[in-house]
Amino acid sequence: MKLIVLGAPGSGKGTQAKFITQLYQIPQVSTGDLLRDAVKRENALGVKAKEYMNTGNLVPDAIVLELLKIRLMKDDCSKGFILDGYPRNITQADELAKITEIDQVINISVDHGLLVKRITGRRTCKECGAIYHIEYQPPSQEGICDKCSGELFQREDDTEETVKNRLNTYDKQTKPLIEYYSSQNLLQTLISDGTIEEMRQKVKLLLENRFH
């Protein structure tokens, strides 16, 4: 079961990917996580990636592909995987096709105005990495993590200006993937206009119909 989850930043594709991981015991491979880990480790790829991430621009294909190649070679990907955040454009999709086949592409569609509100309200704990939202999931005490009392902060790529830049970039470069995978009869679009649980049921039904 080799899956791709598409969707603009903040669409909830990462949340749904984690749900699929629990259902089918296949790893979620998030290029965002791979990039952030590389940045944290301050290795050569991470240093290059940080320059692009902080301005809201997409990291060059060569850097992302190299990180992805390394990840997909690990044993836990032998039965399948979920790609979250990759490919982001047609060039990457073509490169991905040289590495592996894809069984199903799930496109999560959300209104852009709602996405800006979702992302700019996110706060992350500096200590344990827990994520909150100032409106939807606020901490008990403003600016303080409930789990470890660490300081909460807004990531540099979660500011309104950067978010709008990311959404514009998504529209220009990633939306063509919808046509790309539709032409291969691999894509199914799911509208995210309800709760996380309602979205999970849509995803579960789709996969049950596809793989059972």
N, C-alpha and C. Protein backbone atom coordinates (compact mmCIF):
# COMPACT_ATOMS: atom_id res chain seq x y z
N MET A 1 0.84 -1.20 0.00
CA MET A 1 0.00 0.00 0.00
C MET A 1 0.88 1.24 0.00
N LYS A 2 1.09 1.80 -1.19
CA LYS A 2 1.93 2.98 -1.32
C LYS A 2 1.05 4.18 -1.64
N LEU A 3 0.95 5.09 -0.68
CA LEU A 3 -0.01 6.18 -0.76
C LEU A 3 0.67 7.55 -0.80
N ILE A 4 -0.02 8.50 -1.43
CA ILE A 4 0.36 9.90 -1.38
C ILE A 4 -0.83 10.68 -0.83
N VAL A 5 -0.58 11.59 0.12
CA VAL A 5 -1.64 12.48 0.62
C VAL A 5 -1.29 13.89 0.18
N LEU A 6 -2.16 14.47 -0.66
CA LEU A 6 -1.97 15.84 -1.14
C LEU A 6 -2.87 16.80 -0.37
N GLY A 7 -2.46 18.07 -0.34
CA GLY A 7 -3.27 19.09 0.32
C GLY A 7 -2.41 20.29 0.64
N ALA A 8 -3.01 21.46 0.65
CA ALA A 8 -2.27 22.69 0.95
C ALA A 8 -1.76 22.66 2.40
N PRO A 9 -0.77 23.51 2.73
CA PRO A 9 -0.29 23.59 4.10
C PRO A 9 -1.44 23.84 5.07
N GLY A 10 -1.53 23.05 6.14
CA GLY A 10 -2.59 23.22 7.12
C GLY A 10 -3.87 22.49 6.81
N SER A 11 -3.89 21.71 5.73
CA SER A 11 -5.12 21.02 5.32
C SER A 11 -5.44 19.81 6.19
N GLY A 12 -4.48 19.39 7.01
CA GLY A 12 -4.71 18.23 7.87
C GLY A 12 -4.20 16.94 7.26
N LYS A 13 -3.42 17.04 6.20
CA LYS A 13 -2.94 15.83 5.54
C LYS A 13 -2.01 15.03 6.46
N GLY A 14 -1.25 15.73 7.29
CA GLY A 14 -0.37 15.03 8.23
C GLY A 14 -1.15 14.27 9.29
N THR A 15 -2.22 14.88 9.77
CA THR A 15 -3.09 14.24 10.76
C THR A 15 -3.72 12.98 10.19
N GLN A 16 -4.20 13.06 8.96
CA GLN A 16 -4.83 11.90 8.34
C GLN A 16 -3.81 10.82 8.00
N ALA A 17 -2.59 11.24 7.65
CA ALA A 17 -1.53 10.27 7.38
C ALA A 17 -1.21 9.46 8.64
N LYS A 18 -1.19 10.13 9.79
CA LYS A 18 -0.94 9.42 11.06
C LYS A 18 -2.07 8.43 11.34
N PHE A 19 -3.29 8.80 11.02
CA PHE A 19 -4.43 7.91 11.20
C PHE A 19 -4.28 6.66 10.33
N ILE A 20 -3.88 6.84 9.08
CA ILE A 20 -3.67 5.70 8.17
C ILE A 20 -2.56 4.80 8.69
N THR A 21 -1.53 5.41 9.24
CA THR A 21 -0.42 4.65 9.82
C THR A 21 -0.92 3.70 10.92
N GLN A 22 -1.79 4.21 11.77
CA GLN A 22 -2.34 3.39 12.86
C GLN A 22 -3.23 2.28 12.31
N LEU A 23 -3.98 2.57 11.26
CA LEU A 23 -4.89 1.59 10.68
C LEU A 23 -4.16 0.44 10.01
N TYR A 24 -3.13 0.78 9.23
CA TYR A 24 -2.50 -0.22 8.37
C TYR A 24 -1.05 -0.56 8.73
N GLN A 25 -0.53 0.07 9.78
CA GLN A 25 0.83 -0.23 10.24
C GLN A 25 1.88 -0.04 9.15
N ILE A 26 1.75 1.05 8.40
CA ILE A 26 2.79 1.44 7.45
C ILE A 26 3.26 2.84 7.83
N PRO A 27 4.53 3.16 7.61
CA PRO A 27 5.07 4.43 8.10
C PRO A 27 4.61 5.65 7.32
N GLN A 28 4.43 6.74 8.04
CA GLN A 28 4.17 8.05 7.44
C GLN A 28 5.51 8.69 7.14
N VAL A 29 5.74 9.02 5.89
CA VAL A 29 6.99 9.66 5.51
C VAL A 29 6.68 11.10 5.13
N SER A 30 6.96 12.01 6.04
CA SER A 30 6.69 13.43 5.83
C SER A 30 7.98 14.13 5.43
N THR A 31 8.00 14.71 4.24
CA THR A 31 9.21 15.43 3.83
C THR A 31 9.43 16.64 4.73
N GLY A 32 8.33 17.20 5.27
CA GLY A 32 8.49 18.30 6.22
C GLY A 32 9.26 17.87 7.45
N ASP A 33 8.90 16.68 7.97
CA ASP A 33 9.61 16.14 9.13
C ASP A 33 11.06 15.82 8.79
N LEU A 34 11.27 15.24 7.60
CA LEU A 34 12.64 14.91 7.17
C LEU A 34 13.49 16.17 7.08
N LEU A 35 12.90 17.23 6.54
CA LEU A 35 13.62 18.50 6.41
C LEU A 35 13.91 19.12 7.77
N ARG A 36 12.89 19.13 8.65
CA ARG A 36 13.09 19.72 9.98
C ARG A 36 14.14 18.94 10.78
N ASP A 37 14.14 17.61 10.61
CA ASP A 37 15.14 16.78 11.30
C ASP A 37 16.54 17.11 10.78
N ALA A 38 16.65 17.29 9.46
CA ALA A 38 17.95 17.62 8.87
C ALA A 38 18.43 18.99 9.35
N VAL A 39 17.46 19.95 9.45
CA VAL A 39 17.81 21.28 9.95
C VAL A 39 18.27 21.21 11.41
N LYS A 40 17.56 20.41 12.20
CA LYS A 40 17.90 20.26 13.61
C LYS A 40 19.29 19.65 13.79
N ARG A 41 19.59 18.68 12.94
CA ARG A 41 20.90 18.02 13.02
C ARG A 41 22.02 18.90 12.47
N GLU A 42 21.62 19.95 11.72
CA GLU A 42 22.57 20.90 11.13
C GLU A 42 23.57 20.21 10.21
N ASN A 43 23.07 19.16 9.49
CA ASN A 43 23.94 18.54 8.50
C ASN A 43 23.91 19.38 7.22
N ALA A 44 24.68 18.97 6.21
CA ALA A 44 24.82 19.78 5.00
C ALA A 44 23.48 20.05 4.33
N LEU A 45 22.64 19.00 4.21
CA LEU A 45 21.33 19.18 3.57
C LEU A 45 20.43 20.08 4.41
N GLY A 46 20.52 19.94 5.73
CA GLY A 46 19.69 20.74 6.63
C GLY A 46 20.00 22.21 6.58
N VAL A 47 21.27 22.55 6.52
CA VAL A 47 21.68 23.95 6.46
C VAL A 47 21.15 24.62 5.19
N LYS A 48 21.24 23.90 4.07
CA LYS A 48 20.74 24.43 2.80
C LYS A 48 19.22 24.60 2.85
N ALA A 49 18.54 23.60 3.41
CA ALA A 49 17.08 23.61 3.44
C ALA A 49 16.54 24.78 4.28
N LYS A 50 17.21 25.08 5.39
CA LYS A 50 16.72 26.12 6.31
C LYS A 50 16.59 27.48 5.64
N GLU A 51 17.51 27.79 4.73
CA GLU A 51 17.48 29.07 4.05
C GLU A 51 16.17 29.26 3.29
N TYR A 52 15.67 28.18 2.71
CA TYR A 52 14.43 28.25 1.93
C TYR A 52 13.20 28.21 2.84
N MET A 53 13.21 27.35 3.85
CA MET A 53 12.05 27.17 4.72
C MET A 53 11.69 28.45 5.47
N ASN A 54 12.69 29.20 5.90
CA ASN A 54 12.44 30.40 6.70
C ASN A 54 11.78 31.52 5.90
N THR A 55 11.86 31.45 4.57
CA THR A 55 11.24 32.48 3.74
C THR A 55 9.93 31.99 3.12
N GLY A 56 9.55 30.75 3.44
CA GLY A 56 8.30 30.21 2.92
C GLY A 56 8.40 29.64 1.52
N ASN A 57 9.61 29.57 0.99
CA ASN A 57 9.80 29.02 -0.35
C ASN A 57 10.02 27.51 -0.29
N LEU A 58 9.73 26.84 -1.40
CA LEU A 58 9.94 25.40 -1.44
C LEU A 58 11.42 25.06 -1.49
N VAL A 59 11.80 24.02 -0.77
CA VAL A 59 13.17 23.55 -0.78
C VAL A 59 13.44 22.89 -2.14
N PRO A 60 14.61 23.12 -2.74
CA PRO A 60 14.92 22.55 -4.06
C PRO A 60 14.72 21.03 -4.12
N ASP A 61 14.28 20.57 -5.28
CA ASP A 61 13.97 19.16 -5.48
C ASP A 61 15.12 18.23 -5.10
N ALA A 62 16.32 18.61 -5.47
CA ALA A 62 17.47 17.73 -5.26
C ALA A 62 17.67 17.40 -3.78
N ILE A 63 17.47 18.40 -2.91
CA ILE A 63 17.64 18.20 -1.47
C ILE A 63 16.56 17.27 -0.93
N VAL A 64 15.30 17.54 -1.30
CA VAL A 64 14.18 16.74 -0.81
C VAL A 64 14.29 15.30 -1.30
N LEU A 65 14.62 15.12 -2.57
CA LEU A 65 14.70 13.78 -3.15
C LEU A 65 15.79 12.95 -2.48
N GLU A 66 16.90 13.58 -2.18
CA GLU A 66 17.99 12.85 -1.52
C GLU A 66 17.57 12.36 -0.13
N LEU A 67 16.89 13.22 0.62
CA LEU A 67 16.40 12.83 1.94
C LEU A 67 15.37 11.71 1.83
N LEU A 68 14.51 11.81 0.82
CA LEU A 68 13.46 10.81 0.63
C LEU A 68 14.03 9.45 0.23
N LYS A 69 15.00 9.45 -0.64
CA LYS A 69 15.65 8.20 -1.07
C LYS A 69 16.20 7.45 0.14
N ILE A 70 16.87 8.18 1.01
CA ILE A 70 17.46 7.58 2.21
C ILE A 70 16.38 6.96 3.09
N ARG A 71 15.26 7.68 3.23
CA ARG A 71 14.17 7.21 4.10
C ARG A 71 13.47 5.96 3.55
N LEU A 72 13.19 5.94 2.25
CA LEU A 72 12.43 4.82 1.68
C LEU A 72 13.24 3.53 1.61
N MET A 73 14.54 3.62 1.81
CA MET A 73 15.38 2.42 1.81
C MET A 73 15.33 1.67 3.14
N LYS A 74 14.73 2.29 4.16
CA LYS A 74 14.67 1.64 5.48
C LYS A 74 13.67 0.49 5.48
N ASP A 75 13.91 -0.48 6.36
CA ASP A 75 13.13 -1.72 6.39
C ASP A 75 11.64 -1.51 6.62
N ASP A 76 11.28 -0.48 7.40
CA ASP A 76 9.87 -0.31 7.75
C ASP A 76 9.01 0.13 6.56
N CYS A 77 9.64 0.47 5.44
CA CYS A 77 8.89 0.85 4.23
C CYS A 77 8.67 -0.33 3.29
N SER A 78 9.08 -1.52 3.69
CA SER A 78 9.02 -2.69 2.80
C SER A 78 7.58 -3.08 2.43
N LYS A 79 6.61 -2.82 3.34
CA LYS A 79 5.21 -3.20 3.07
C LYS A 79 4.38 -2.03 2.54
N GLY A 80 5.03 -0.88 2.43
CA GLY A 80 4.33 0.30 1.95
C GLY A 80 4.63 1.52 2.79
N PHE A 81 4.03 2.64 2.43
CA PHE A 81 4.29 3.90 3.12
C PHE A 81 3.24 4.93 2.72
N ILE A 82 3.21 6.03 3.44
CA ILE A 82 2.36 7.18 3.11
C ILE A 82 3.27 8.37 2.93
N LEU A 83 3.24 8.97 1.77
CA LEU A 83 4.03 10.17 1.52
C LEU A 83 3.19 11.40 1.85
N ASP A 84 3.68 12.21 2.77
CA ASP A 84 2.99 13.42 3.21
C ASP A 84 3.88 14.63 2.89
N GLY A 85 3.46 15.44 1.92
CA GLY A 85 4.25 16.62 1.57
C GLY A 85 5.15 16.41 0.36
N TYR A 86 5.03 15.29 -0.29
CA TYR A 86 5.83 15.00 -1.49
C TYR A 86 5.06 14.03 -2.35
N PRO A 87 5.02 14.24 -3.66
CA PRO A 87 5.66 15.32 -4.43
C PRO A 87 4.88 16.63 -4.33
N ARG A 88 5.58 17.74 -4.60
CA ARG A 88 4.96 19.06 -4.56
C ARG A 88 4.78 19.64 -5.96
N ASN A 89 5.37 19.02 -6.96
CA ASN A 89 5.24 19.51 -8.33
C ASN A 89 5.43 18.36 -9.31
N ILE A 90 5.20 18.63 -10.59
CA ILE A 90 5.27 17.59 -11.61
C ILE A 90 6.67 17.00 -11.73
N THR A 91 7.68 17.85 -11.62
CA THR A 91 9.06 17.36 -11.71
C THR A 91 9.34 16.33 -10.63
N GLN A 92 8.92 16.63 -9.39
CA GLN A 92 9.11 15.68 -8.30
C GLN A 92 8.31 14.40 -8.53
N ALA A 93 7.11 14.53 -9.08
CA ALA A 93 6.29 13.35 -9.35
C ALA A 93 6.97 12.44 -10.36
N ASP A 94 7.57 13.04 -11.37
CA ASP A 94 8.30 12.26 -12.37
C ASP A 94 9.50 11.56 -11.75
N GLU A 95 10.21 12.26 -10.86
CA GLU A 95 11.36 11.67 -10.18
C GLU A 95 10.92 10.54 -9.25
N LEU A 96 9.80 10.76 -8.56
CA LEU A 96 9.27 9.74 -7.65
C LEU A 96 8.92 8.46 -8.40
N ALA A 97 8.35 8.62 -9.60
CA ALA A 97 7.95 7.47 -10.41
C ALA A 97 9.15 6.59 -10.78
N LYS A 98 10.34 7.17 -10.79
CA LYS A 98 11.55 6.41 -11.09
C LYS A 98 11.99 5.56 -9.90
N ILE A 99 11.53 5.97 -8.70
CA ILE A 99 11.94 5.30 -7.46
C ILE A 99 10.95 4.22 -7.04
N THR A 100 9.64 4.52 -7.16
CA THR A 100 8.62 3.61 -6.64
C THR A 100 7.29 3.79 -7.36
N GLU A 101 6.45 2.76 -7.34
CA GLU A 101 5.09 2.88 -7.85
C GLU A 101 4.20 3.46 -6.75
N ILE A 102 3.08 4.06 -7.14
CA ILE A 102 2.10 4.60 -6.19
C ILE A 102 0.75 3.94 -6.45
N ASP A 103 0.06 3.51 -5.37
CA ASP A 103 -1.21 2.80 -5.51
C ASP A 103 -2.43 3.72 -5.45
N GLN A 104 -2.35 4.77 -4.61
CA GLN A 104 -3.50 5.66 -4.42
C GLN A 104 -3.03 7.04 -3.98
N VAL A 105 -3.69 8.09 -4.52
CA VAL A 105 -3.40 9.47 -4.14
C VAL A 105 -4.66 10.08 -3.54
N ILE A 106 -4.56 10.57 -2.31
CA ILE A 106 -5.70 11.20 -1.63
C ILE A 106 -5.45 12.71 -1.59
N ASN A 107 -6.38 13.48 -2.18
CA ASN A 107 -6.27 14.93 -2.19
C ASN A 107 -7.26 15.53 -1.19
N ILE A 108 -6.75 16.19 -0.14
CA ILE A 108 -7.60 16.81 0.88
C ILE A 108 -7.78 18.29 0.53
N SER A 109 -9.03 18.69 0.27
CA SER A 109 -9.34 20.04 -0.18
C SER A 109 -9.94 20.88 0.95
N VAL A 110 -9.34 22.06 1.22
CA VAL A 110 -9.82 22.96 2.28
C VAL A 110 -9.76 24.41 1.77
N ASP A 111 -10.75 25.24 2.17
CA ASP A 111 -10.77 26.66 1.82
C ASP A 111 -9.51 27.37 2.34
N HIS A 112 -8.88 28.19 1.47
CA HIS A 112 -7.62 28.86 1.83
C HIS A 112 -7.75 29.81 3.02
N GLY A 113 -8.89 30.50 3.11
CA GLY A 113 -9.08 31.42 4.24
C GLY A 113 -9.04 30.70 5.57
N LEU A 114 -9.63 29.52 5.61
CA LEU A 114 -9.61 28.70 6.82
C LEU A 114 -8.20 28.21 7.12
N LEU A 115 -7.45 27.90 6.06
CA LEU A 115 -6.08 27.42 6.25
C LEU A 115 -5.19 28.47 6.91
N VAL A 116 -5.32 29.73 6.48
CA VAL A 116 -4.52 30.81 7.07
C VAL A 116 -4.80 30.91 8.57
N LYS A 117 -6.09 30.84 8.93
CA LYS A 117 -6.50 30.91 10.33
C LYS A 117 -5.93 29.74 11.13
N ARG A 118 -5.98 28.56 10.54
CA ARG A 118 -5.47 27.36 11.22
C ARG A 118 -3.97 27.47 11.50
N ILE A 119 -3.21 27.85 10.47
CA ILE A 119 -1.75 27.80 10.59
C ILE A 119 -1.19 28.92 11.46
N THR A 120 -1.70 30.15 11.28
CA THR A 120 -1.14 31.28 12.04
C THR A 120 -1.45 31.16 13.53
N GLY A 121 -2.45 30.35 13.88
CA GLY A 121 -2.79 30.17 15.30
C GLY A 121 -2.01 29.06 15.99
N ARG A 122 -1.19 28.34 15.23
CA ARG A 122 -0.43 27.23 15.82
C ARG A 122 0.70 27.73 16.72
N ARG A 123 0.90 27.03 17.81
CA ARG A 123 2.01 27.29 18.71
C ARG A 123 2.67 25.97 19.07
N THR A 124 3.99 25.95 19.11
CA THR A 124 4.74 24.72 19.35
C THR A 124 5.60 24.87 20.61
N CYS A 125 5.71 23.80 21.39
CA CYS A 125 6.53 23.82 22.60
C CYS A 125 8.01 23.68 22.24
N LYS A 126 8.83 24.57 22.79
CA LYS A 126 10.27 24.54 22.52
C LYS A 126 10.94 23.31 23.13
N GLU A 127 10.32 22.76 24.17
CA GLU A 127 10.94 21.64 24.88
C GLU A 127 10.53 20.28 24.33
N CYS A 128 9.21 20.00 24.27
CA CYS A 128 8.76 18.66 23.91
C CYS A 128 8.14 18.57 22.52
N GLY A 129 7.93 19.73 21.86
CA GLY A 129 7.40 19.71 20.50
C GLY A 129 5.89 19.61 20.40
N ALA A 130 5.18 19.60 21.54
CA ALA A 130 3.71 19.52 21.51
C ALA A 130 3.15 20.72 20.76
N ILE A 131 2.05 20.49 20.03
CA ILE A 131 1.46 21.55 19.21
C ILE A 131 0.09 21.96 19.75
N TYR A 132 -0.14 23.27 19.83
CA TYR A 132 -1.40 23.82 20.30
C TYR A 132 -1.94 24.78 19.25
N HIS A 133 -3.18 25.27 19.47
CA HIS A 133 -3.74 26.31 18.62
C HIS A 133 -4.43 27.31 19.54
N ILE A 134 -4.15 28.60 19.33
CA ILE A 134 -4.65 29.63 20.25
C ILE A 134 -6.17 29.68 20.32
N GLU A 135 -6.85 29.19 19.27
CA GLU A 135 -8.31 29.19 19.26
C GLU A 135 -8.90 27.79 19.41
N TYR A 136 -8.40 26.83 18.62
CA TYR A 136 -9.00 25.49 18.58
C TYR A 136 -8.51 24.56 19.69
N GLN A 137 -7.25 24.73 20.12
CA GLN A 137 -6.70 23.86 21.15
C GLN A 137 -5.69 24.63 22.00
N PRO A 138 -6.20 25.61 22.77
CA PRO A 138 -5.28 26.46 23.54
C PRO A 138 -4.73 25.72 24.77
N PRO A 139 -3.54 26.13 25.23
CA PRO A 139 -3.00 25.55 26.47
C PRO A 139 -3.76 26.11 27.66
N SER A 140 -3.66 25.45 28.80
CA SER A 140 -4.36 25.92 30.01
C SER A 140 -3.87 27.30 30.41
N GLN A 141 -2.56 27.52 30.26
CA GLN A 141 -1.96 28.82 30.58
C GLN A 141 -1.30 29.37 29.32
N GLU A 142 -1.65 30.58 28.96
CA GLU A 142 -1.16 31.16 27.70
C GLU A 142 0.37 31.13 27.61
N GLY A 143 0.87 30.56 26.50
CA GLY A 143 2.31 30.55 26.26
C GLY A 143 3.08 29.45 26.97
N ILE A 144 2.36 28.60 27.74
CA ILE A 144 3.02 27.55 28.52
C ILE A 144 2.47 26.18 28.14
N CYS A 145 3.35 25.22 27.89
CA CYS A 145 2.94 23.87 27.51
C CYS A 145 2.31 23.13 28.68
N ASP A 146 1.16 22.50 28.45
CA ASP A 146 0.48 21.73 29.50
C ASP A 146 1.28 20.50 29.91
N LYS A 147 2.03 19.93 28.97
CA LYS A 147 2.71 18.66 29.21
C LYS A 147 4.02 18.80 29.98
N CYS A 148 4.80 19.85 29.64
CA CYS A 148 6.13 19.94 30.27
C CYS A 148 6.46 21.33 30.79
N SER A 149 5.50 22.26 30.69
CA SER A 149 5.68 23.65 31.13
C SER A 149 6.72 24.41 30.32
N GLY A 150 7.02 23.88 29.13
CA GLY A 150 7.96 24.57 28.26
C GLY A 150 7.32 25.79 27.61
N GLU A 151 8.14 26.64 27.02
CA GLU A 151 7.66 27.86 26.37
C GLU A 151 7.10 27.54 24.99
N LEU A 152 5.92 28.12 24.69
CA LEU A 152 5.32 27.93 23.37
C LEU A 152 5.75 29.06 22.44
N PHE A 153 5.96 28.75 21.17
CA PHE A 153 6.37 29.77 20.21
C PHE A 153 5.70 29.53 18.86
N GLN A 154 5.69 30.58 18.03
CA GLN A 154 5.16 30.46 16.67
C GLN A 154 6.33 30.22 15.73
N ARG A 155 6.27 29.12 14.99
CA ARG A 155 7.34 28.80 14.06
C ARG A 155 7.50 29.90 13.02
N GLU A 156 8.72 30.10 12.56
CA GLU A 156 8.99 31.16 11.59
C GLU A 156 8.16 31.00 10.32
N ASP A 157 7.85 29.75 9.96
CA ASP A 157 7.08 29.53 8.73
C ASP A 157 5.57 29.46 8.99
N ASP A 158 5.13 29.90 10.19
CA ASP A 158 3.70 29.94 10.52
C ASP A 158 3.14 31.36 10.63
N THR A 159 3.94 32.38 10.28
CA THR A 159 3.44 33.75 10.31
C THR A 159 2.53 33.97 9.10
N GLU A 160 1.63 34.98 9.20
CA GLU A 160 0.63 35.18 8.14
C GLU A 160 1.27 35.44 6.77
N GLU A 161 2.28 36.27 6.74
CA GLU A 161 2.94 36.59 5.46
C GLU A 161 3.54 35.33 4.83
N THR A 162 4.21 34.54 5.65
CA THR A 162 4.85 33.32 5.15
C THR A 162 3.80 32.31 4.71
N VAL A 163 2.70 32.20 5.50
CA VAL A 163 1.64 31.25 5.17
C VAL A 163 1.01 31.58 3.82
N LYS A 164 0.72 32.87 3.60
CA LYS A 164 0.12 33.28 2.32
C LYS A 164 1.08 33.00 1.16
N ASN A 165 2.36 33.19 1.43
CA ASN A 165 3.38 32.89 0.41
C ASN A 165 3.37 31.40 0.09
N ARG A 166 3.28 30.58 1.14
CA ARG A 166 3.27 29.12 0.96
C ARG A 166 2.03 28.67 0.18
N LEU A 167 0.87 29.27 0.46
CA LEU A 167 -0.36 28.91 -0.24
C LEU A 167 -0.31 29.31 -1.72
N ASN A 168 0.27 30.49 -1.98
CA ASN A 168 0.43 30.93 -3.36
C ASN A 168 1.36 29.99 -4.13
N THR A 169 2.43 29.58 -3.45
CA THR A 169 3.38 28.64 -4.06
C THR A 169 2.70 27.31 -4.32
N TYR A 170 1.88 26.88 -3.37
CA TYR A 170 1.14 25.62 -3.53
C TYR A 170 0.23 25.67 -4.76
N ASP A 171 -0.52 26.76 -4.88
CA ASP A 171 -1.45 26.90 -6.01
C ASP A 171 -0.72 26.81 -7.35
N LYS A 172 0.43 27.46 -7.43
CA LYS A 172 1.15 27.52 -8.70
C LYS A 172 1.83 26.19 -9.04
N GLN A 173 2.42 25.54 -8.05
CA GLN A 173 3.27 24.40 -8.33
C GLN A 173 2.66 23.03 -8.02
N THR A 174 1.77 22.97 -7.03
CA THR A 174 1.29 21.66 -6.59
C THR A 174 -0.05 21.27 -7.17
N LYS A 175 -0.94 22.24 -7.40
CA LYS A 175 -2.26 21.90 -7.94
C LYS A 175 -2.21 21.12 -9.26
N PRO A 176 -1.21 21.38 -10.13
CA PRO A 176 -1.13 20.57 -11.35
C PRO A 176 -1.01 19.07 -11.09
N LEU A 177 -0.58 18.70 -9.89
CA LEU A 177 -0.48 17.28 -9.54
C LEU A 177 -1.85 16.61 -9.53
N ILE A 178 -2.89 17.39 -9.25
CA ILE A 178 -4.24 16.85 -9.24
C ILE A 178 -4.59 16.30 -10.62
N GLU A 179 -4.26 17.08 -11.65
CA GLU A 179 -4.50 16.62 -13.02
C GLU A 179 -3.56 15.47 -13.37
N TYR A 180 -2.33 15.57 -12.92
CA TYR A 180 -1.30 14.56 -13.21
C TYR A 180 -1.74 13.18 -12.73
N TYR A 181 -2.20 13.10 -11.47
CA TYR A 181 -2.60 11.81 -10.92
C TYR A 181 -4.02 11.40 -11.32
N SER A 182 -4.85 12.40 -11.63
CA SER A 182 -6.19 12.08 -12.13
C SER A 182 -6.09 11.36 -13.47
N SER A 183 -5.16 11.80 -14.30
CA SER A 183 -4.99 11.20 -15.63
C SER A 183 -4.52 9.76 -15.53
N GLN A 184 -3.96 9.39 -14.36
CA GLN A 184 -3.50 8.01 -14.14
C GLN A 184 -4.53 7.20 -13.35
N ASN A 185 -5.70 7.81 -13.11
CA ASN A 185 -6.77 7.16 -12.33
C ASN A 185 -6.32 6.76 -10.92
N LEU A 186 -5.47 7.58 -10.34
CA LEU A 186 -4.95 7.29 -9.00
C LEU A 186 -5.52 8.22 -7.94
N LEU A 187 -6.15 9.33 -8.35
CA LEU A 187 -6.50 10.39 -7.39
C LEU A 187 -7.96 10.37 -6.97
N GLN A 188 -8.17 10.62 -5.66
CA GLN A 188 -9.51 10.79 -5.10
C GLN A 188 -9.49 12.03 -4.21
N THR A 189 -10.38 13.00 -4.48
CA THR A 189 -10.44 14.22 -3.68
C THR A 189 -11.47 14.09 -2.57
N LEU A 190 -11.07 14.46 -1.35
CA LEU A 190 -11.96 14.45 -0.20
C LEU A 190 -12.07 15.88 0.33
N ILE A 191 -13.29 16.40 0.49
CA ILE A 191 -13.50 17.76 1.00
C ILE A 191 -13.44 17.74 2.53
N SER A 192 -12.55 18.57 3.09
CA SER A 192 -12.42 18.65 4.55
C SER A 192 -13.21 19.85 5.05
N ASP A 193 -14.47 19.62 5.42
CA ASP A 193 -15.33 20.72 5.89
C ASP A 193 -16.00 20.39 7.22
N GLY A 194 -15.51 19.36 7.89
CA GLY A 194 -16.09 18.97 9.18
C GLY A 194 -15.01 18.72 10.22
N THR A 195 -15.27 17.82 11.14
CA THR A 195 -14.32 17.52 12.20
C THR A 195 -13.23 16.57 11.71
N ILE A 196 -12.19 16.44 12.52
CA ILE A 196 -11.11 15.51 12.20
C ILE A 196 -11.65 14.09 12.12
N GLU A 197 -12.56 13.74 13.04
CA GLU A 197 -13.12 12.38 13.06
C GLU A 197 -13.94 12.11 11.80
N GLU A 198 -14.70 13.10 11.34
CA GLU A 198 -15.48 12.93 10.11
C GLU A 198 -14.57 12.71 8.92
N MET A 199 -13.43 13.42 8.92
CA MET A 199 -12.47 13.26 7.83
C MET A 199 -11.84 11.87 7.89
N ARG A 200 -11.59 11.39 9.09
CA ARG A 200 -11.02 10.05 9.24
C ARG A 200 -11.94 8.99 8.65
N GLN A 201 -13.24 9.14 8.87
CA GLN A 201 -14.19 8.17 8.34
C GLN A 201 -14.21 8.19 6.81
N LYS A 202 -14.07 9.38 6.22
CA LYS A 202 -14.00 9.49 4.76
C LYS A 202 -12.76 8.75 4.23
N VAL A 203 -11.63 8.96 4.91
CA VAL A 203 -10.37 8.33 4.50
C VAL A 203 -10.46 6.81 4.64
N LYS A 204 -11.00 6.36 5.78
CA LYS A 204 -11.13 4.93 6.03
C LYS A 204 -11.99 4.25 4.98
N LEU A 205 -13.13 4.86 4.65
CA LEU A 205 -14.04 4.29 3.66
C LEU A 205 -13.37 4.21 2.29
N LEU A 206 -12.65 5.26 1.93
CA LEU A 206 -11.95 5.28 0.65
C LEU A 206 -10.96 4.12 0.55
N LEU A 207 -10.15 3.94 1.59
CA LEU A 207 -9.11 2.91 1.56
C LEU A 207 -9.70 1.50 1.62
N GLU A 208 -10.79 1.35 2.38
CA GLU A 208 -11.45 0.04 2.44
C GLU A 208 -12.00 -0.35 1.06
N ASN A 209 -12.56 0.62 0.37
CA ASN A 209 -13.10 0.35 -0.95
C ASN A 209 -11.99 0.07 -1.98
N ARG A 210 -10.84 0.70 -1.75
CA ARG A 210 -9.73 0.57 -2.71
C ARG A 210 -8.92 -0.71 -2.51
N PHE A 211 -8.73 -1.13 -1.25
CA PHE A 211 -7.79 -2.21 -0.97
C PHE A 211 -8.43 -3.48 -0.43
N HIS A 212 -9.77 -3.53 -0.31
CA HIS A 212 -10.41 -4.74 0.22
C HIS A 212 -11.44 -5.29 -0.74
